[in-house]
Amino acid sequence: MENLPKKVRSKKLSTRVDLTAMVSVSFLLIIFFMVTIELAKPKVMNLSLPDNGKGTTSCPEGEGENRSITIMLGENDKLIFYKGLLSSPIIPPKNLQYGENGIRRELQKINKKMLEVSAKIGRRESIIVIIKPSKKSNYKNLVNILDEMAIANIGTYAIVPEFTPEESKLLASK
């Protein structure tokens, strides 16, 4: 019995699991799901449609073309403004200047009137401004007109780079 080899006992190592990586992954997943939930929320925009589906030819005050203002930006600080459709404008095209006595005054005056008219029918709708910068206009003019939108409290506006042939002729002529 003396010659028998001794049994080698293995040391029991402490079993310790490092959870640092799992905690990091769980925080990343929480952030990911929070962001995706926020981005999945629907964005709602009011859409003005006629009350009846018969396709009336004239828009009531406060609807459609009566709410739309188009501002075209040209070269050398040129700014042309009209209300409605170019083929039958409510306010004919005219050259204006940037600033307090130019486009800002016109926008504030028309927006105030539109808010008064829409309040009578139980809504609070302002004008819709379509900004059309030409390829010859500069970035400063676009920034200036966006500043005018903020100052005049215009809530709905869009930048549209396309011109109709009539608008191109108008911008070139004046």
C-alpha atoms as a PDB file:
ATOM      1  CA  MET A   1       0.000   0.000   0.000  1.00  0.00           C
ATOM      2  CA  GLU A   2       2.861   2.251   0.385  1.00  0.00           C
ATOM      3  CA  ASN A   3       3.686   2.139  -3.272  1.00  0.00           C
ATOM      4  CA  LEU A   4       0.330   3.366  -4.490  1.00  0.00           C
ATOM      5  CA  PRO A   5       0.435   6.849  -5.953  1.00  0.00           C
ATOM      6  CA  LYS A   6      -1.383   9.494  -4.063  1.00  0.00           C
ATOM      7  CA  LYS A   7      -4.524  10.831  -5.631  1.00  0.00           C
ATOM      8  CA  VAL A   8      -4.026  14.279  -6.913  1.00  0.00           C
ATOM      9  CA  ARG A   9      -6.831  16.474  -5.897  1.00  0.00           C
ATOM     10  CA  SER A  10      -7.674  19.368  -8.184  1.00  0.00           C
ATOM     11  CA  LYS A  11      -8.120  22.718  -6.657  1.00  0.00           C
ATOM     12  CA  LYS A  12     -11.598  24.065  -6.838  1.00  0.00           C
ATOM     13  CA  LEU A  13     -11.486  27.403  -8.572  1.00  0.00           C
ATOM     14  CA  SER A  14     -13.955  30.000  -7.546  1.00  0.00           C
ATOM     15  CA  THR A  15     -16.629  30.423 -10.185  1.00  0.00           C
ATOM     16  CA  ARG A  16     -17.108  34.110 -10.727  1.00  0.00           C
ATOM     17  CA  VAL A  17     -18.912  35.452 -13.810  1.00  0.00           C
ATOM     18  CA  ASP A  18     -18.093  38.952 -15.045  1.00  0.00           C
ATOM     19  CA  LEU A  19     -21.389  40.639 -15.951  1.00  0.00           C
ATOM     20  CA  THR A  20     -19.941  43.928 -17.160  1.00  0.00           C
ATOM     21  CA  ALA A  21     -20.460  43.117 -20.842  1.00  0.00           C
ATOM     22  CA  MET A  22     -24.026  41.961 -20.264  1.00  0.00           C
ATOM     23  CA  VAL A  23     -24.902  45.163 -18.410  1.00  0.00           C
ATOM     24  CA  SER A  24     -23.485  47.225 -21.278  1.00  0.00           C
ATOM     25  CA  VAL A  25     -25.485  45.280 -23.840  1.00  0.00           C
ATOM     26  CA  SER A  26     -28.677  45.653 -21.819  1.00  0.00           C
ATOM     27  CA  PHE A  27     -28.241  49.434 -21.603  1.00  0.00           C
ATOM     28  CA  LEU A  28     -27.657  49.612 -25.348  1.00  0.00           C
ATOM     29  CA  LEU A  29     -30.832  47.611 -25.947  1.00  0.00           C
ATOM     30  CA  ILE A  30     -32.837  49.876 -23.648  1.00  0.00           C
ATOM     31  CA  ILE A  31     -31.572  52.970 -25.485  1.00  0.00           C
ATOM     32  CA  PHE A  32     -32.268  51.357 -28.866  1.00  0.00           C
ATOM     33  CA  PHE A  33     -35.874  50.534 -27.983  1.00  0.00           C
ATOM     34  CA  MET A  34     -36.488  53.978 -26.483  1.00  0.00           C
ATOM     35  CA  VAL A  35     -35.287  55.643 -29.701  1.00  0.00           C
ATOM     36  CA  THR A  36     -37.282  53.344 -31.986  1.00  0.00           C
ATOM     37  CA  ILE A  37     -40.463  53.900 -29.973  1.00  0.00           C
ATOM     38  CA  GLU A  38     -40.002  57.680 -30.218  1.00  0.00           C
ATOM     39  CA  LEU A  39     -39.418  57.510 -33.977  1.00  0.00           C
ATOM     40  CA  ALA A  40     -42.414  55.216 -34.491  1.00  0.00           C
ATOM     41  CA  LYS A  41     -44.891  57.772 -33.122  1.00  0.00           C
ATOM     42  CA  PRO A  42     -47.091  59.108 -35.924  1.00  0.00           C
ATOM     43  CA  LYS A  43     -46.614  62.705 -36.984  1.00  0.00           C
ATOM     44  CA  VAL A  44     -49.931  64.419 -37.691  1.00  0.00           C
ATOM     45  CA  MET A  45     -50.533  67.340 -40.021  1.00  0.00           C
ATOM     46  CA  ASN A  46     -53.827  69.163 -40.561  1.00  0.00           C
ATOM     47  CA  LEU A  47     -55.172  68.840 -44.073  1.00  0.00           C
ATOM     48  CA  SER A  48     -57.683  71.366 -45.356  1.00  0.00           C
ATOM     49  CA  LEU A  49     -60.230  69.789 -47.657  1.00  0.00           C
ATOM     50  CA  PRO A  50     -63.547  71.110 -48.951  1.00  0.00           C
ATOM     51  CA  ASP A  51     -66.608  70.072 -46.941  1.00  0.00           C
ATOM     52  CA  ASN A  52     -68.309  68.438 -49.889  1.00  0.00           C
ATOM     53  CA  GLY A  53     -66.685  66.231 -52.495  1.00  0.00           C
ATOM     54  CA  LYS A  54     -68.316  68.007 -55.440  1.00  0.00           C
ATOM     55  CA  GLY A  55     -65.162  69.902 -56.431  1.00  0.00           C
ATOM     56  CA  THR A  56     -66.185  73.526 -56.120  1.00  0.00           C
ATOM     57  CA  THR A  57     -64.417  75.969 -58.393  1.00  0.00           C
ATOM     58  CA  SER A  58     -64.128  78.768 -55.861  1.00  0.00           C
ATOM     59  CA  CYS A  59     -62.429  78.255 -52.525  1.00  0.00           C
ATOM     60  CA  PRO A  60     -64.014  79.788 -49.457  1.00  0.00           C
ATOM     61  CA  GLU A  61     -61.910  82.350 -47.636  1.00  0.00           C
ATOM     62  CA  GLY A  62     -59.326  80.499 -45.560  1.00  0.00           C
ATOM     63  CA  GLU A  63     -59.081  77.449 -47.817  1.00  0.00           C
ATOM     64  CA  GLY A  64     -56.826  76.292 -50.635  1.00  0.00           C
ATOM     65  CA  GLU A  65     -55.302  78.986 -52.802  1.00  0.00           C
ATOM     66  CA  ASN A  66     -56.557  81.713 -50.455  1.00  0.00           C
ATOM     67  CA  ARG A  67     -54.090  80.426 -47.865  1.00  0.00           C
ATOM     68  CA  SER A  68     -51.077  80.016 -50.168  1.00  0.00           C
ATOM     69  CA  ILE A  69     -48.363  82.614 -50.586  1.00  0.00           C
ATOM     70  CA  THR A  70     -45.504  82.032 -53.011  1.00  0.00           C
ATOM     71  CA  ILE A  71     -42.156  83.757 -52.565  1.00  0.00           C
ATOM     72  CA  MET A  72     -39.616  83.430 -55.374  1.00  0.00           C
ATOM     73  CA  LEU A  73     -35.968  84.248 -54.691  1.00  0.00           C
ATOM     74  CA  GLY A  74     -33.809  85.427 -57.583  1.00  0.00           C
ATOM     75  CA  GLU A  75     -30.342  86.771 -58.133  1.00  0.00           C
ATOM     76  CA  ASN A  76     -29.176  90.118 -56.675  1.00  0.00           C
ATOM     77  CA  ASP A  77     -31.528  89.895 -53.651  1.00  0.00           C
ATOM     78  CA  LYS A  78     -34.626  89.809 -55.890  1.00  0.00           C
ATOM     79  CA  LEU A  79     -37.785  88.704 -54.102  1.00  0.00           C
ATOM     80  CA  ILE A  80     -41.128  88.274 -55.888  1.00  0.00           C
ATOM     81  CA  PHE A  81     -44.273  87.647 -53.875  1.00  0.00           C
ATOM     82  CA  TYR A  82     -47.827  86.690 -54.883  1.00  0.00           C
ATOM     83  CA  LYS A  83     -50.889  85.135 -53.252  1.00  0.00           C
ATOM     84  CA  GLY A  84     -52.924  82.345 -54.814  1.00  0.00           C
ATOM     85  CA  LEU A  85     -52.205  80.803 -58.187  1.00  0.00           C
ATOM     86  CA  LEU A  86     -50.001  82.606 -60.699  1.00  0.00           C
ATOM     87  CA  SER A  87     -52.618  82.128 -63.444  1.00  0.00           C
ATOM     88  CA  SER A  88     -55.271  83.927 -61.342  1.00  0.00           C
ATOM     89  CA  PRO A  89     -53.515  85.589 -58.405  1.00  0.00           C
ATOM     90  CA  ILE A  90     -55.422  87.047 -55.461  1.00  0.00           C
ATOM     91  CA  ILE A  91     -52.522  89.441 -54.886  1.00  0.00           C
ATOM     92  CA  PRO A  92     -50.615  89.996 -58.140  1.00  0.00           C
ATOM     93  CA  PRO A  93     -46.858  89.414 -58.244  1.00  0.00           C
ATOM     94  CA  LYS A  94     -44.785  92.266 -56.886  1.00  0.00           C
ATOM     95  CA  ASN A  95     -41.177  92.910 -56.000  1.00  0.00           C
ATOM     96  CA  LEU A  96     -40.475  93.307 -52.300  1.00  0.00           C
ATOM     97  CA  GLN A  97     -37.441  93.871 -50.134  1.00  0.00           C
ATOM     98  CA  TYR A  98     -36.275  91.834 -47.184  1.00  0.00           C
ATOM     99  CA  GLY A  99     -36.873  93.276 -43.741  1.00  0.00           C
ATOM    100  CA  GLU A 100     -39.452  95.052 -41.644  1.00  0.00           C
ATOM    101  CA  ASN A 101     -40.950  97.292 -44.333  1.00  0.00           C
ATOM    102  CA  GLY A 102     -40.943  94.667 -47.069  1.00  0.00           C
ATOM    103  CA  ILE A 103     -41.860  91.006 -46.987  1.00  0.00           C
ATOM    104  CA  ARG A 104     -42.300  90.898 -43.204  1.00  0.00           C
ATOM    105  CA  ARG A 105     -45.061  93.524 -43.234  1.00  0.00           C
ATOM    106  CA  GLU A 106     -46.914  91.736 -46.039  1.00  0.00           C
ATOM    107  CA  LEU A 107     -46.676  88.341 -44.338  1.00  0.00           C
ATOM    108  CA  GLN A 108     -47.821  89.687 -40.975  1.00  0.00           C
ATOM    109  CA  LYS A 109     -50.743  91.568 -42.538  1.00  0.00           C
ATOM    110  CA  ILE A 110     -51.981  88.586 -44.566  1.00  0.00           C
ATOM    111  CA  ASN A 111     -51.412  86.125 -41.712  1.00  0.00           C
ATOM    112  CA  LYS A 112     -53.353  88.336 -39.286  1.00  0.00           C
ATOM    113  CA  LYS A 113     -56.285  88.515 -41.712  1.00  0.00           C
ATOM    114  CA  MET A 114     -56.188  84.748 -42.270  1.00  0.00           C
ATOM    115  CA  LEU A 115     -56.210  84.059 -38.524  1.00  0.00           C
ATOM    116  CA  GLU A 116     -59.212  86.369 -38.077  1.00  0.00           C
ATOM    117  CA  VAL A 117     -61.133  84.653 -40.895  1.00  0.00           C
ATOM    118  CA  SER A 118     -60.330  81.141 -39.652  1.00  0.00           C
ATOM    119  CA  ALA A 119     -61.302  82.086 -36.072  1.00  0.00           C
ATOM    120  CA  LYS A 120     -64.797  82.965 -37.329  1.00  0.00           C
ATOM    121  CA  ILE A 121     -65.294  79.401 -38.544  1.00  0.00           C
ATOM    122  CA  GLY A 122     -63.843  77.879 -35.385  1.00  0.00           C
ATOM    123  CA  ARG A 123     -60.324  77.072 -36.562  1.00  0.00           C
ATOM    124  CA  ARG A 124     -56.933  78.622 -36.089  1.00  0.00           C
ATOM    125  CA  GLU A 125     -55.130  78.339 -39.404  1.00  0.00           C
ATOM    126  CA  SER A 126     -52.421  80.568 -40.740  1.00  0.00           C
ATOM    127  CA  ILE A 127     -51.141  81.057 -44.257  1.00  0.00           C
ATOM    128  CA  ILE A 128     -48.992  78.527 -46.078  1.00  0.00           C
ATOM    129  CA  VAL A 129     -45.846  79.970 -47.633  1.00  0.00           C
ATOM    130  CA  ILE A 130     -44.088  78.292 -50.552  1.00  0.00           C
ATOM    131  CA  ILE A 131     -40.482  79.459 -50.861  1.00  0.00           C
ATOM    132  CA  LYS A 132     -38.931  78.940 -54.289  1.00  0.00           C
ATOM    133  CA  PRO A 133     -35.215  79.753 -54.438  1.00  0.00           C
ATOM    134  CA  SER A 134     -33.819  79.913 -57.951  1.00  0.00           C
ATOM    135  CA  LYS A 135     -30.459  78.475 -58.887  1.00  0.00           C
ATOM    136  CA  LYS A 136     -29.126  82.022 -59.153  1.00  0.00           C
ATOM    137  CA  SER A 137     -30.227  83.052 -55.643  1.00  0.00           C
ATOM    138  CA  ASN A 138     -27.678  82.843 -52.867  1.00  0.00           C
ATOM    139  CA  TYR A 139     -27.712  81.062 -49.532  1.00  0.00           C
ATOM    140  CA  LYS A 140     -27.932  84.356 -47.620  1.00  0.00           C
ATOM    141  CA  ASN A 141     -31.321  85.113 -49.234  1.00  0.00           C
ATOM    142  CA  LEU A 142     -32.682  81.723 -48.211  1.00  0.00           C
ATOM    143  CA  VAL A 143     -31.507  82.233 -44.619  1.00  0.00           C
ATOM    144  CA  ASN A 144     -33.037  85.733 -44.623  1.00  0.00           C
ATOM    145  CA  ILE A 145     -36.428  84.499 -45.803  1.00  0.00           C
ATOM    146  CA  LEU A 146     -36.399  81.697 -43.226  1.00  0.00           C
ATOM    147  CA  ASP A 147     -35.664  84.331 -40.564  1.00  0.00           C
ATOM    148  CA  GLU A 148     -38.634  86.334 -41.851  1.00  0.00           C
ATOM    149  CA  MET A 149     -40.832  83.218 -41.474  1.00  0.00           C
ATOM    150  CA  ALA A 150     -39.807  82.937 -37.821  1.00  0.00           C
ATOM    151  CA  ILE A 151     -40.255  86.657 -37.120  1.00  0.00           C
ATOM    152  CA  ALA A 152     -43.674  86.818 -38.834  1.00  0.00           C
ATOM    153  CA  ASN A 153     -44.839  83.699 -36.930  1.00  0.00           C
ATOM    154  CA  ILE A 154     -45.542  81.664 -40.063  1.00  0.00           C
ATOM    155  CA  GLY A 155     -46.082  78.097 -38.895  1.00  0.00           C
ATOM    156  CA  THR A 156     -46.340  76.332 -42.237  1.00  0.00           C
ATOM    157  CA  TYR A 157     -43.868  76.865 -45.040  1.00  0.00           C
ATOM    158  CA  ALA A 158     -42.019  74.730 -47.552  1.00  0.00           C
ATOM    159  CA  ILE A 159     -38.946  75.150 -49.735  1.00  0.00           C
ATOM    160  CA  VAL A 160     -39.688  73.993 -53.273  1.00  0.00           C
ATOM    161  CA  PRO A 161     -36.838  74.191 -55.818  1.00  0.00           C
ATOM    162  CA  GLU A 162     -39.007  73.613 -58.914  1.00  0.00           C
ATOM    163  CA  PHE A 163     -40.382  76.498 -60.983  1.00  0.00           C
ATOM    164  CA  THR A 164     -43.219  76.419 -63.490  1.00  0.00           C
ATOM    165  CA  PRO A 165     -42.379  77.942 -66.891  1.00  0.00           C
ATOM    166  CA  GLU A 166     -44.584  80.958 -66.064  1.00  0.00           C
ATOM    167  CA  GLU A 167     -42.741  81.524 -62.783  1.00  0.00           C
ATOM    168  CA  SER A 168     -39.381  81.290 -64.540  1.00  0.00           C
ATOM    169  CA  LYS A 169     -40.493  83.947 -67.054  1.00  0.00           C
ATOM    170  CA  LEU A 170     -41.774  86.156 -64.235  1.00  0.00           C
ATOM    171  CA  LEU A 171     -38.518  85.862 -62.306  1.00  0.00           C
ATOM    172  CA  ALA A 172     -36.459  86.627 -65.397  1.00  0.00           C
ATOM    173  CA  SER A 173     -38.587  89.602 -66.461  1.00  0.00           C
ATOM    174  CA  LYS A 174     -38.863  91.640 -63.280  1.00  0.00           C
END
